[in-house]
Amino acid sequence: MEKDGKSNLEEVVSIDLEENTTPKIGENEDTKEDITPKIGMEFDSEDEAYLYYNIYAGYVGFSIRRDWLNRSKVDKTTIISRKFYCFKAGYK
């Protein structure tokens, strides 16, 4: 989520993971602007980031895939960064 607090994602997206339903975008006319990715956003986990970008991508008309991963050189388990690409993008 955003560095200074939670973003509007929780308000815009209704997710019921216990019922294993597909995330749905709210009916707010400002939804696209509310969920548009912004520089400096931070997430608590890789899965949370993937979910956010996949929801946004679906809303604007494409899907994403996980690709490049950068881990910490100190402990080798902490993920420093991850790149998500358009699902139809070529492999580089």
C-alpha atoms as a PDB file:
ATOM      1  CA  MET A   1       0.000   0.000   0.000  1.00  0.00           C
ATOM      2  CA  GLU A   2       1.062   3.610   0.019  1.00  0.00           C
ATOM      3  CA  LYS A   3       3.922   4.613   2.278  1.00  0.00           C
ATOM      4  CA  ASP A   4       1.881   7.144   4.270  1.00  0.00           C
ATOM      5  CA  GLY A   5      -1.112   4.871   4.814  1.00  0.00           C
ATOM      6  CA  LYS A   6      -3.622   2.632   3.111  1.00  0.00           C
ATOM      7  CA  SER A   7      -4.615   3.453  -0.457  1.00  0.00           C
ATOM      8  CA  ASN A   8      -8.156   3.527  -1.773  1.00  0.00           C
ATOM      9  CA  LEU A   9      -7.819  -0.080  -2.961  1.00  0.00           C
ATOM     10  CA  GLU A  10      -9.738  -1.407   0.033  1.00  0.00           C
ATOM     11  CA  GLU A  11     -12.640   0.946  -0.717  1.00  0.00           C
ATOM     12  CA  VAL A  12     -12.650   0.318  -4.466  1.00  0.00           C
ATOM     13  CA  VAL A  13     -12.171  -3.441  -4.599  1.00  0.00           C
ATOM     14  CA  SER A  14     -14.415  -5.904  -2.863  1.00  0.00           C
ATOM     15  CA  ILE A  15     -12.617  -9.171  -2.246  1.00  0.00           C
ATOM     16  CA  ASP A  16     -13.901 -12.202  -0.414  1.00  0.00           C
ATOM     17  CA  LEU A  17     -10.960 -14.586  -0.312  1.00  0.00           C
ATOM     18  CA  GLU A  18     -12.737 -17.018   1.996  1.00  0.00           C
ATOM     19  CA  GLU A  19     -15.417 -17.645  -0.629  1.00  0.00           C
ATOM     20  CA  ASN A  20     -12.742 -17.766  -3.369  1.00  0.00           C
ATOM     21  CA  THR A  21     -14.532 -15.179  -5.503  1.00  0.00           C
ATOM     22  CA  THR A  22     -13.049 -12.991  -8.199  1.00  0.00           C
ATOM     23  CA  PRO A  23     -12.186  -9.448  -7.079  1.00  0.00           C
ATOM     24  CA  LYS A  24     -14.654  -6.893  -8.432  1.00  0.00           C
ATOM     25  CA  ILE A  25     -14.159  -3.200  -9.090  1.00  0.00           C
ATOM     26  CA  GLY A  26     -16.630  -0.876  -7.395  1.00  0.00           C
ATOM     27  CA  GLU A  27     -19.200   1.122  -9.342  1.00  0.00           C
ATOM     28  CA  ASN A  28     -17.624   4.486  -8.507  1.00  0.00           C
ATOM     29  CA  GLU A  29     -17.078   6.701 -11.590  1.00  0.00           C
ATOM     30  CA  ASP A  30     -13.688   7.741 -10.187  1.00  0.00           C
ATOM     31  CA  THR A  31     -12.604   4.114  -9.756  1.00  0.00           C
ATOM     32  CA  LYS A  32      -9.934   4.160 -12.462  1.00  0.00           C
ATOM     33  CA  GLU A  33      -8.320   7.235 -10.947  1.00  0.00           C
ATOM     34  CA  ASP A  34      -8.609   5.810  -7.428  1.00  0.00           C
ATOM     35  CA  ILE A  35      -6.725   2.618  -8.267  1.00  0.00           C
ATOM     36  CA  THR A  36      -4.202   4.005 -10.761  1.00  0.00           C
ATOM     37  CA  PRO A  37      -0.698   2.977  -9.599  1.00  0.00           C
ATOM     38  CA  LYS A  38       1.384   5.811  -8.188  1.00  0.00           C
ATOM     39  CA  ILE A  39       5.115   6.226  -7.683  1.00  0.00           C
ATOM     40  CA  GLY A  40       6.222   5.273  -4.186  1.00  0.00           C
ATOM     41  CA  MET A  41       3.488   2.730  -3.460  1.00  0.00           C
ATOM     42  CA  GLU A  42       4.573  -0.008  -1.059  1.00  0.00           C
ATOM     43  CA  PHE A  43       2.902  -3.329  -0.328  1.00  0.00           C
ATOM     44  CA  ASP A  44       3.075  -5.675   2.643  1.00  0.00           C
ATOM     45  CA  SER A  45       3.691  -8.724   0.451  1.00  0.00           C
ATOM     46  CA  GLU A  46       4.450  -9.769  -3.113  1.00  0.00           C
ATOM     47  CA  ASP A  47       1.008 -11.368  -3.373  1.00  0.00           C
ATOM     48  CA  GLU A  48      -0.674  -8.127  -2.296  1.00  0.00           C
ATOM     49  CA  ALA A  49       1.225  -6.224  -5.010  1.00  0.00           C
ATOM     50  CA  TYR A  50       0.342  -8.849  -7.620  1.00  0.00           C
ATOM     51  CA  LEU A  51      -3.343  -8.729  -6.652  1.00  0.00           C
ATOM     52  CA  TYR A  52      -3.380  -4.923  -6.824  1.00  0.00           C
ATOM     53  CA  TYR A  53      -1.737  -4.743 -10.256  1.00  0.00           C
ATOM     54  CA  ASN A  54      -3.786  -7.641 -11.640  1.00  0.00           C
ATOM     55  CA  ILE A  55      -7.018  -5.927 -10.578  1.00  0.00           C
ATOM     56  CA  TYR A  56      -5.871  -2.640 -12.085  1.00  0.00           C
ATOM     57  CA  ALA A  57      -4.722  -4.359 -15.301  1.00  0.00           C
ATOM     58  CA  GLY A  58      -8.061  -6.142 -15.646  1.00  0.00           C
ATOM     59  CA  TYR A  59      -9.916  -2.890 -15.144  1.00  0.00           C
ATOM     60  CA  VAL A  60      -8.011  -1.142 -17.945  1.00  0.00           C
ATOM     61  CA  GLY A  61      -8.122  -4.151 -20.288  1.00  0.00           C
ATOM     62  CA  PHE A  62      -5.114  -6.447 -19.986  1.00  0.00           C
ATOM     63  CA  SER A  63      -3.623  -9.011 -17.626  1.00  0.00           C
ATOM     64  CA  ILE A  64      -0.191  -9.316 -16.047  1.00  0.00           C
ATOM     65  CA  ARG A  65       2.381 -11.958 -15.224  1.00  0.00           C
ATOM     66  CA  ARG A  66       5.200 -12.126 -12.706  1.00  0.00           C
ATOM     67  CA  ASP A  67       8.693 -11.905 -14.137  1.00  0.00           C
ATOM     68  CA  TRP A  68      12.009 -10.559 -12.868  1.00  0.00           C
ATOM     69  CA  LEU A  69      12.772 -10.844  -9.128  1.00  0.00           C
ATOM     70  CA  ASN A  70      15.509  -9.160  -7.055  1.00  0.00           C
ATOM     71  CA  ARG A  71      16.357 -10.614  -3.621  1.00  0.00           C
ATOM     72  CA  SER A  72      18.377  -9.154  -0.774  1.00  0.00           C
ATOM     73  CA  LYS A  73      22.088  -9.933  -0.971  1.00  0.00           C
ATOM     74  CA  VAL A  74      22.195 -10.177   2.823  1.00  0.00           C
ATOM     75  CA  ASP A  75      19.626 -12.873   3.607  1.00  0.00           C
ATOM     76  CA  LYS A  76      18.679 -14.159   0.117  1.00  0.00           C
ATOM     77  CA  THR A  77      15.009 -14.550   1.124  1.00  0.00           C
ATOM     78  CA  THR A  78      13.796 -10.950   1.332  1.00  0.00           C
ATOM     79  CA  ILE A  79      12.362  -9.697  -1.958  1.00  0.00           C
ATOM     80  CA  ILE A  80      13.675  -6.223  -2.786  1.00  0.00           C
ATOM     81  CA  SER A  81      11.785  -5.740  -6.044  1.00  0.00           C
ATOM     82  CA  ARG A  82       9.675  -7.623  -8.558  1.00  0.00           C
ATOM     83  CA  LYS A  83       8.650  -6.722 -12.097  1.00  0.00           C
ATOM     84  CA  PHE A  84       5.209  -7.428 -13.478  1.00  0.00           C
ATOM     85  CA  TYR A  85       4.708  -7.433 -17.244  1.00  0.00           C
ATOM     86  CA  CYS A  86       1.746  -7.410 -19.579  1.00  0.00           C
ATOM     87  CA  PHE A  87       0.767 -11.043 -20.070  1.00  0.00           C
ATOM     88  CA  LYS A  88       1.285 -10.807 -23.841  1.00  0.00           C
ATOM     89  CA  ALA A  89       4.665  -9.062 -23.611  1.00  0.00           C
ATOM     90  CA  GLY A  90       7.619 -10.941 -25.072  1.00  0.00           C
ATOM     91  CA  TYR A  91      10.166 -12.537 -22.764  1.00  0.00           C
ATOM     92  CA  LYS A  92      13.332 -10.492 -22.351  1.00  0.00           C
END
